[in-house]
Amino acid sequence: MAKPIPKIGSRKNGRLGSRKHPRKIPKGFIYVQASFNNTIVTVTDVRGRVISWSSGGSCGFKGTRRGTPFAGQTAAVNAIRTVADQGMQRAEVRLKGAGLGRDAALRVIRRSRILVSFIREFSNAPHNGCRCPKKRRV
């Protein structure tokens, strides 16, 4: 009984492509997820496969400093740097959340070499759904 020949680009043998020559990605999506505690920037290709990501926490900020605009800016710079080297020219930005790092991350994306085709808002807004938790008494 003959053994099946593994495909070169299959997920079973671990490697999808060459390590020396990274894929050229002309177009993709940039997701900015900004909460009050952290800002996460994820860059994907058109099919939704993650190319690079960064967050305030992964950039070395701890505690409440992760939610600051500077942490969001640093996260966006780190996430975009690797993608710009791989040749991304155009991207669609998708924003989610109401955190402080969101505008700072968007400003960095606009200044980078990547041309922003459009910006879409994905924040969750209640249609008078659940009752809010009571205010804290300090």
N, C-alpha and C. Protein backbone atom coordinates (compact mmCIF):
# COMPACT_ATOMS: atom_id res chain seq x y z
N MET A 1 0.84 -1.17 0.00
CA MET A 1 0.00 0.00 0.00
C MET A 1 0.89 1.24 0.00
N ALA A 2 0.67 2.13 -0.95
CA ALA A 2 1.51 3.31 -1.10
C ALA A 2 1.07 4.42 -0.14
N LYS A 3 2.07 5.18 0.33
CA LYS A 3 1.76 6.30 1.22
C LYS A 3 1.31 7.50 0.38
N PRO A 4 0.35 8.28 0.88
CA PRO A 4 -0.04 9.48 0.12
C PRO A 4 1.06 10.53 0.16
N ILE A 5 1.25 11.21 -0.95
CA ILE A 5 2.28 12.24 -1.04
C ILE A 5 1.73 13.53 -0.43
N PRO A 6 2.42 14.11 0.58
CA PRO A 6 1.89 15.34 1.19
C PRO A 6 2.00 16.52 0.23
N LYS A 7 0.99 17.38 0.27
CA LYS A 7 1.02 18.58 -0.56
C LYS A 7 2.07 19.54 -0.01
N ILE A 8 2.66 20.33 -0.89
CA ILE A 8 3.74 21.23 -0.47
C ILE A 8 3.21 22.34 0.42
N GLY A 9 2.03 22.86 0.09
CA GLY A 9 1.51 24.00 0.85
C GLY A 9 0.41 23.63 1.82
N SER A 10 0.37 22.40 2.30
CA SER A 10 -0.72 22.00 3.20
C SER A 10 -0.41 22.41 4.63
N ARG A 11 -1.44 22.48 5.43
CA ARG A 11 -1.27 22.86 6.83
C ARG A 11 -0.68 21.71 7.66
N LYS A 12 -0.75 20.49 7.14
CA LYS A 12 -0.26 19.34 7.90
C LYS A 12 1.25 19.39 8.08
N ASN A 13 1.96 19.79 7.04
CA ASN A 13 3.42 19.81 7.19
C ASN A 13 3.92 21.16 7.70
N GLY A 14 3.01 22.03 8.15
CA GLY A 14 3.43 23.21 8.89
C GLY A 14 3.71 24.45 8.09
N ARG A 15 4.32 24.37 6.94
CA ARG A 15 4.73 25.56 6.23
C ARG A 15 3.81 25.83 5.05
N LEU A 16 3.32 27.05 4.96
CA LEU A 16 2.43 27.43 3.86
C LEU A 16 3.20 28.01 2.69
N GLY A 17 4.33 28.62 2.95
CA GLY A 17 5.10 29.23 1.87
C GLY A 17 6.56 29.31 2.26
N SER A 18 7.33 29.99 1.45
CA SER A 18 8.75 30.12 1.71
C SER A 18 9.00 31.13 2.82
N ARG A 19 9.97 30.86 3.67
CA ARG A 19 10.29 31.81 4.72
C ARG A 19 11.17 32.94 4.21
N LYS A 20 12.00 32.65 3.23
CA LYS A 20 12.93 33.67 2.73
C LYS A 20 12.22 34.74 1.92
N HIS A 21 11.18 34.34 1.19
CA HIS A 21 10.43 35.29 0.35
C HIS A 21 9.00 35.38 0.86
N PRO A 22 8.71 36.41 1.69
CA PRO A 22 7.34 36.53 2.19
C PRO A 22 6.37 36.87 1.05
N ARG A 23 5.10 36.50 1.26
CA ARG A 23 4.08 36.76 0.25
C ARG A 23 3.93 38.25 -0.02
N LYS A 24 3.69 38.59 -1.26
CA LYS A 24 3.37 39.97 -1.61
C LYS A 24 1.88 40.15 -1.44
N ILE A 25 1.49 41.09 -0.62
CA ILE A 25 0.08 41.33 -0.34
C ILE A 25 -0.26 42.75 -0.77
N PRO A 26 -0.90 42.93 -1.93
CA PRO A 26 -1.19 44.29 -2.38
C PRO A 26 -2.35 44.95 -1.65
N LYS A 27 -3.31 44.16 -1.15
CA LYS A 27 -4.51 44.72 -0.54
C LYS A 27 -4.89 43.92 0.69
N GLY A 28 -5.49 44.59 1.69
CA GLY A 28 -5.88 43.88 2.89
C GLY A 28 -6.80 44.70 3.77
N PHE A 29 -7.00 44.21 4.98
CA PHE A 29 -7.86 44.87 5.95
C PHE A 29 -7.05 45.18 7.20
N ILE A 30 -7.34 46.33 7.82
CA ILE A 30 -6.73 46.69 9.09
C ILE A 30 -7.87 46.85 10.10
N TYR A 31 -7.85 46.00 11.12
CA TYR A 31 -8.87 46.04 12.16
C TYR A 31 -8.30 46.73 13.39
N VAL A 32 -8.99 47.76 13.87
CA VAL A 32 -8.58 48.45 15.10
C VAL A 32 -9.67 48.21 16.13
N GLN A 33 -9.33 47.47 17.18
CA GLN A 33 -10.29 47.15 18.22
C GLN A 33 -9.87 47.93 19.46
N ALA A 34 -10.59 48.98 19.80
CA ALA A 34 -10.17 49.88 20.87
C ALA A 34 -11.15 49.82 22.03
N SER A 35 -10.72 49.21 23.12
CA SER A 35 -11.52 49.24 24.35
C SER A 35 -10.88 50.26 25.29
N PHE A 36 -11.47 50.42 26.46
CA PHE A 36 -10.91 51.39 27.40
C PHE A 36 -9.66 50.83 28.07
N ASN A 37 -9.45 49.50 27.99
CA ASN A 37 -8.30 48.89 28.64
C ASN A 37 -7.14 48.60 27.69
N ASN A 38 -7.40 48.47 26.40
CA ASN A 38 -6.36 48.07 25.46
C ASN A 38 -6.76 48.45 24.04
N THR A 39 -5.79 48.50 23.14
CA THR A 39 -6.06 48.72 21.72
C THR A 39 -5.34 47.63 20.94
N ILE A 40 -6.10 46.88 20.13
CA ILE A 40 -5.54 45.78 19.35
C ILE A 40 -5.66 46.13 17.87
N VAL A 41 -4.54 46.07 17.16
CA VAL A 41 -4.50 46.35 15.71
C VAL A 41 -4.13 45.05 15.00
N THR A 42 -5.01 44.59 14.11
CA THR A 42 -4.78 43.35 13.38
C THR A 42 -4.81 43.64 11.89
N VAL A 43 -3.83 43.12 11.15
CA VAL A 43 -3.78 43.30 9.70
C VAL A 43 -3.97 41.94 9.04
N THR A 44 -4.95 41.86 8.12
CA THR A 44 -5.22 40.61 7.43
C THR A 44 -5.15 40.82 5.93
N ASP A 45 -5.08 39.71 5.19
CA ASP A 45 -5.18 39.82 3.74
C ASP A 45 -6.66 39.79 3.36
N VAL A 46 -6.96 39.74 2.08
CA VAL A 46 -8.34 39.83 1.61
C VAL A 46 -9.15 38.61 2.06
N ARG A 47 -8.50 37.46 2.20
CA ARG A 47 -9.21 36.25 2.62
C ARG A 47 -9.43 36.19 4.13
N GLY A 48 -8.83 37.10 4.88
CA GLY A 48 -9.03 37.15 6.32
C GLY A 48 -7.94 36.46 7.12
N ARG A 49 -6.85 36.04 6.46
CA ARG A 49 -5.75 35.41 7.19
C ARG A 49 -4.88 36.48 7.82
N VAL A 50 -4.59 36.34 9.10
CA VAL A 50 -3.84 37.36 9.84
C VAL A 50 -2.39 37.37 9.38
N ILE A 51 -1.91 38.57 9.02
CA ILE A 51 -0.53 38.74 8.59
C ILE A 51 0.31 39.24 9.78
N SER A 52 -0.20 40.27 10.45
CA SER A 52 0.49 40.76 11.64
C SER A 52 -0.52 41.40 12.58
N TRP A 53 -0.15 41.47 13.85
CA TRP A 53 -1.01 42.10 14.83
C TRP A 53 -0.15 42.70 15.92
N SER A 54 -0.72 43.63 16.64
CA SER A 54 -0.03 44.23 17.76
C SER A 54 -1.07 44.83 18.70
N SER A 55 -0.69 45.00 19.94
CA SER A 55 -1.60 45.61 20.91
C SER A 55 -0.78 46.45 21.89
N GLY A 56 -1.49 47.23 22.68
CA GLY A 56 -0.81 48.04 23.68
C GLY A 56 -0.03 47.18 24.66
N GLY A 57 -0.59 46.04 25.03
CA GLY A 57 0.08 45.14 25.97
C GLY A 57 1.31 44.48 25.37
N SER A 58 1.24 44.12 24.08
CA SER A 58 2.40 43.46 23.45
C SER A 58 3.52 44.46 23.16
N CYS A 59 3.21 45.75 23.17
CA CYS A 59 4.24 46.78 22.97
C CYS A 59 4.97 47.13 24.27
N GLY A 60 4.58 46.50 25.36
CA GLY A 60 5.29 46.72 26.62
C GLY A 60 4.57 47.60 27.61
N PHE A 61 3.37 48.07 27.28
CA PHE A 61 2.61 48.90 28.22
C PHE A 61 1.87 47.98 29.19
N LYS A 62 1.83 48.38 30.46
CA LYS A 62 1.17 47.56 31.46
C LYS A 62 0.09 48.36 32.16
N GLY A 63 -0.94 47.65 32.61
CA GLY A 63 -1.99 48.29 33.41
C GLY A 63 -2.83 49.27 32.62
N THR A 64 -3.12 50.41 33.25
CA THR A 64 -4.01 51.40 32.62
C THR A 64 -3.35 52.10 31.44
N ARG A 65 -2.02 52.01 31.33
CA ARG A 65 -1.34 52.69 30.21
C ARG A 65 -1.61 52.02 28.87
N ARG A 66 -2.12 50.78 28.88
CA ARG A 66 -2.43 50.10 27.62
C ARG A 66 -3.55 50.78 26.86
N GLY A 67 -4.45 51.46 27.58
CA GLY A 67 -5.59 52.10 26.92
C GLY A 67 -5.32 53.52 26.47
N THR A 68 -4.10 54.01 26.62
CA THR A 68 -3.79 55.40 26.25
C THR A 68 -3.64 55.55 24.74
N PRO A 69 -3.78 56.78 24.24
CA PRO A 69 -3.59 57.01 22.80
C PRO A 69 -2.18 56.66 22.32
N PHE A 70 -1.17 56.89 23.17
CA PHE A 70 0.20 56.58 22.75
C PHE A 70 0.40 55.08 22.58
N ALA A 71 -0.23 54.29 23.44
CA ALA A 71 -0.15 52.83 23.30
C ALA A 71 -0.83 52.37 22.02
N GLY A 72 -1.96 52.98 21.67
CA GLY A 72 -2.64 52.65 20.41
C GLY A 72 -1.81 53.03 19.20
N GLN A 73 -1.15 54.17 19.30
CA GLN A 73 -0.28 54.63 18.21
C GLN A 73 0.89 53.69 18.02
N THR A 74 1.52 53.28 19.12
CA THR A 74 2.66 52.37 19.05
C THR A 74 2.24 51.00 18.50
N ALA A 75 1.06 50.53 18.90
CA ALA A 75 0.56 49.24 18.40
C ALA A 75 0.32 49.30 16.90
N ALA A 76 -0.24 50.41 16.42
CA ALA A 76 -0.50 50.56 14.98
C ALA A 76 0.80 50.62 14.20
N VAL A 77 1.80 51.31 14.71
CA VAL A 77 3.09 51.40 14.03
C VAL A 77 3.73 50.02 13.91
N ASN A 78 3.70 49.24 14.99
CA ASN A 78 4.30 47.91 14.98
C ASN A 78 3.58 46.96 14.03
N ALA A 79 2.25 47.05 13.98
CA ALA A 79 1.48 46.14 13.11
C ALA A 79 1.67 46.49 11.65
N ILE A 80 1.76 47.78 11.33
CA ILE A 80 1.83 48.22 9.93
C ILE A 80 3.24 48.08 9.36
N ARG A 81 4.26 48.17 10.21
CA ARG A 81 5.64 48.13 9.72
C ARG A 81 5.94 46.85 8.95
N THR A 82 5.54 45.71 9.49
CA THR A 82 5.83 44.44 8.83
C THR A 82 5.05 44.30 7.53
N VAL A 83 3.82 44.82 7.51
CA VAL A 83 2.97 44.68 6.33
C VAL A 83 3.43 45.60 5.21
N ALA A 84 3.90 46.79 5.55
CA ALA A 84 4.40 47.72 4.53
C ALA A 84 5.63 47.16 3.85
N ASP A 85 6.44 46.41 4.60
CA ASP A 85 7.62 45.78 4.01
C ASP A 85 7.24 44.65 3.06
N GLN A 86 6.09 44.02 3.31
CA GLN A 86 5.62 42.95 2.43
C GLN A 86 4.92 43.48 1.19
N GLY A 87 4.77 44.76 1.08
CA GLY A 87 4.26 45.36 -0.15
C GLY A 87 2.78 45.69 -0.17
N MET A 88 2.18 45.87 0.99
CA MET A 88 0.76 46.25 0.99
C MET A 88 0.62 47.71 0.58
N GLN A 89 -0.25 47.95 -0.40
CA GLN A 89 -0.44 49.31 -0.89
C GLN A 89 -1.78 49.89 -0.48
N ARG A 90 -2.84 49.06 -0.51
CA ARG A 90 -4.17 49.55 -0.19
C ARG A 90 -4.76 48.74 0.96
N ALA A 91 -5.58 49.40 1.78
CA ALA A 91 -6.21 48.70 2.89
C ALA A 91 -7.54 49.35 3.23
N GLU A 92 -8.43 48.53 3.76
CA GLU A 92 -9.69 49.02 4.29
C GLU A 92 -9.58 48.96 5.81
N VAL A 93 -9.95 50.04 6.47
CA VAL A 93 -9.84 50.11 7.92
C VAL A 93 -11.21 49.84 8.53
N ARG A 94 -11.25 48.97 9.54
CA ARG A 94 -12.48 48.65 10.24
C ARG A 94 -12.28 48.93 11.72
N LEU A 95 -13.03 49.89 12.23
CA LEU A 95 -12.89 50.33 13.62
C LEU A 95 -13.96 49.69 14.49
N LYS A 96 -13.58 49.34 15.71
CA LYS A 96 -14.53 48.78 16.65
C LYS A 96 -14.20 49.27 18.04
N GLY A 97 -15.18 49.75 18.77
CA GLY A 97 -14.98 50.19 20.14
C GLY A 97 -14.83 51.68 20.27
N ALA A 98 -14.85 52.13 21.53
CA ALA A 98 -14.82 53.56 21.79
C ALA A 98 -13.62 53.97 22.63
N GLY A 99 -12.52 53.26 22.54
CA GLY A 99 -11.36 53.54 23.36
C GLY A 99 -10.58 54.76 22.89
N LEU A 100 -9.63 55.17 23.72
CA LEU A 100 -8.83 56.36 23.42
C LEU A 100 -7.81 56.11 22.32
N GLY A 101 -7.33 54.88 22.18
CA GLY A 101 -6.28 54.59 21.21
C GLY A 101 -6.75 54.49 19.78
N ARG A 102 -8.05 54.58 19.58
CA ARG A 102 -8.62 54.39 18.25
C ARG A 102 -8.26 55.51 17.28
N ASP A 103 -8.42 56.76 17.70
CA ASP A 103 -8.09 57.89 16.83
C ASP A 103 -6.60 57.98 16.56
N ALA A 104 -5.80 57.68 17.58
CA ALA A 104 -4.35 57.72 17.41
C ALA A 104 -3.90 56.65 16.43
N ALA A 105 -4.49 55.46 16.50
CA ALA A 105 -4.15 54.38 15.57
C ALA A 105 -4.57 54.74 14.15
N LEU A 106 -5.73 55.35 14.02
CA LEU A 106 -6.22 55.76 12.70
C LEU A 106 -5.31 56.83 12.09
N ARG A 107 -4.82 57.75 12.92
CA ARG A 107 -3.91 58.79 12.44
C ARG A 107 -2.62 58.18 11.91
N VAL A 108 -2.11 57.16 12.59
CA VAL A 108 -0.88 56.48 12.16
C VAL A 108 -1.11 55.77 10.83
N ILE A 109 -2.26 55.12 10.69
CA ILE A 109 -2.58 54.40 9.45
C ILE A 109 -2.66 55.36 8.28
N ARG A 110 -3.26 56.53 8.49
CA ARG A 110 -3.38 57.51 7.41
C ARG A 110 -2.02 58.06 6.98
N ARG A 111 -1.07 58.19 7.95
CA ARG A 111 0.25 58.73 7.64
C ARG A 111 1.18 57.71 6.99
N SER A 112 0.85 56.42 7.11
CA SER A 112 1.75 55.39 6.59
C SER A 112 1.70 55.35 5.06
N ARG A 113 2.55 54.47 4.49
CA ARG A 113 2.62 54.36 3.03
C ARG A 113 1.40 53.67 2.44
N ILE A 114 0.55 53.11 3.30
CA ILE A 114 -0.62 52.37 2.84
C ILE A 114 -1.76 53.34 2.56
N LEU A 115 -2.37 53.20 1.37
CA LEU A 115 -3.49 54.06 0.98
C LEU A 115 -4.78 53.48 1.55
N VAL A 116 -5.53 54.27 2.29
CA VAL A 116 -6.77 53.80 2.91
C VAL A 116 -7.92 54.01 1.94
N SER A 117 -8.55 52.89 1.51
CA SER A 117 -9.64 53.01 0.54
C SER A 117 -10.94 53.47 1.22
N PHE A 118 -11.29 52.89 2.35
CA PHE A 118 -12.38 53.45 3.14
C PHE A 118 -12.29 52.99 4.58
N ILE A 119 -13.00 53.71 5.44
CA ILE A 119 -13.01 53.44 6.88
C ILE A 119 -14.43 53.07 7.27
N ARG A 120 -14.58 51.94 7.95
CA ARG A 120 -15.91 51.49 8.34
C ARG A 120 -15.97 51.33 9.85
N GLU A 121 -17.11 51.72 10.41
CA GLU A 121 -17.34 51.67 11.85
C GLU A 121 -18.11 50.40 12.21
N PHE A 122 -17.58 49.60 13.15
CA PHE A 122 -18.23 48.36 13.55
C PHE A 122 -18.57 48.33 15.03
N SER A 123 -18.67 49.51 15.66
CA SER A 123 -18.92 49.55 17.11
C SER A 123 -20.31 49.03 17.43
N ASN A 124 -20.39 48.33 18.55
CA ASN A 124 -21.68 47.82 18.99
C ASN A 124 -22.46 48.94 19.66
N ALA A 125 -23.69 49.13 19.20
CA ALA A 125 -24.55 50.13 19.81
C ALA A 125 -25.85 49.45 20.21
N PRO A 126 -26.24 49.56 21.48
CA PRO A 126 -27.47 48.89 21.90
C PRO A 126 -28.69 49.61 21.35
N HIS A 127 -29.69 48.84 20.93
CA HIS A 127 -30.97 49.41 20.51
C HIS A 127 -31.92 49.33 21.70
N ASN A 128 -31.50 49.98 22.79
CA ASN A 128 -32.20 49.93 24.08
C ASN A 128 -32.42 48.50 24.53
N GLY A 129 -31.34 47.75 24.60
CA GLY A 129 -31.39 46.33 24.97
C GLY A 129 -31.28 46.13 26.47
N CYS A 130 -30.16 45.62 26.92
CA CYS A 130 -29.98 45.27 28.33
C CYS A 130 -29.87 46.53 29.19
N ARG A 131 -30.26 46.35 30.44
CA ARG A 131 -30.16 47.45 31.38
C ARG A 131 -28.70 47.61 31.81
N CYS A 132 -28.22 48.85 31.88
CA CYS A 132 -26.83 49.12 32.23
C CYS A 132 -26.60 48.81 33.72
N PRO A 133 -25.36 48.44 34.06
CA PRO A 133 -25.07 48.23 35.48
C PRO A 133 -25.15 49.55 36.25
N LYS A 134 -25.46 49.43 37.56
CA LYS A 134 -25.60 50.63 38.37
C LYS A 134 -24.27 51.37 38.48
N LYS A 135 -24.34 52.68 38.65
CA LYS A 135 -23.14 53.50 38.77
C LYS A 135 -22.42 53.17 40.08
N ARG A 136 -21.09 53.22 40.03
CA ARG A 136 -20.28 52.96 41.22
C ARG A 136 -20.41 54.09 42.22
N ARG A 137 -20.53 53.72 43.48
CA ARG A 137 -20.50 54.74 44.53
C ARG A 137 -19.16 54.63 45.24
N VAL A 138 -18.40 55.72 45.18
CA VAL A 138 -17.06 55.69 45.77
C VAL A 138 -17.04 56.51 47.05
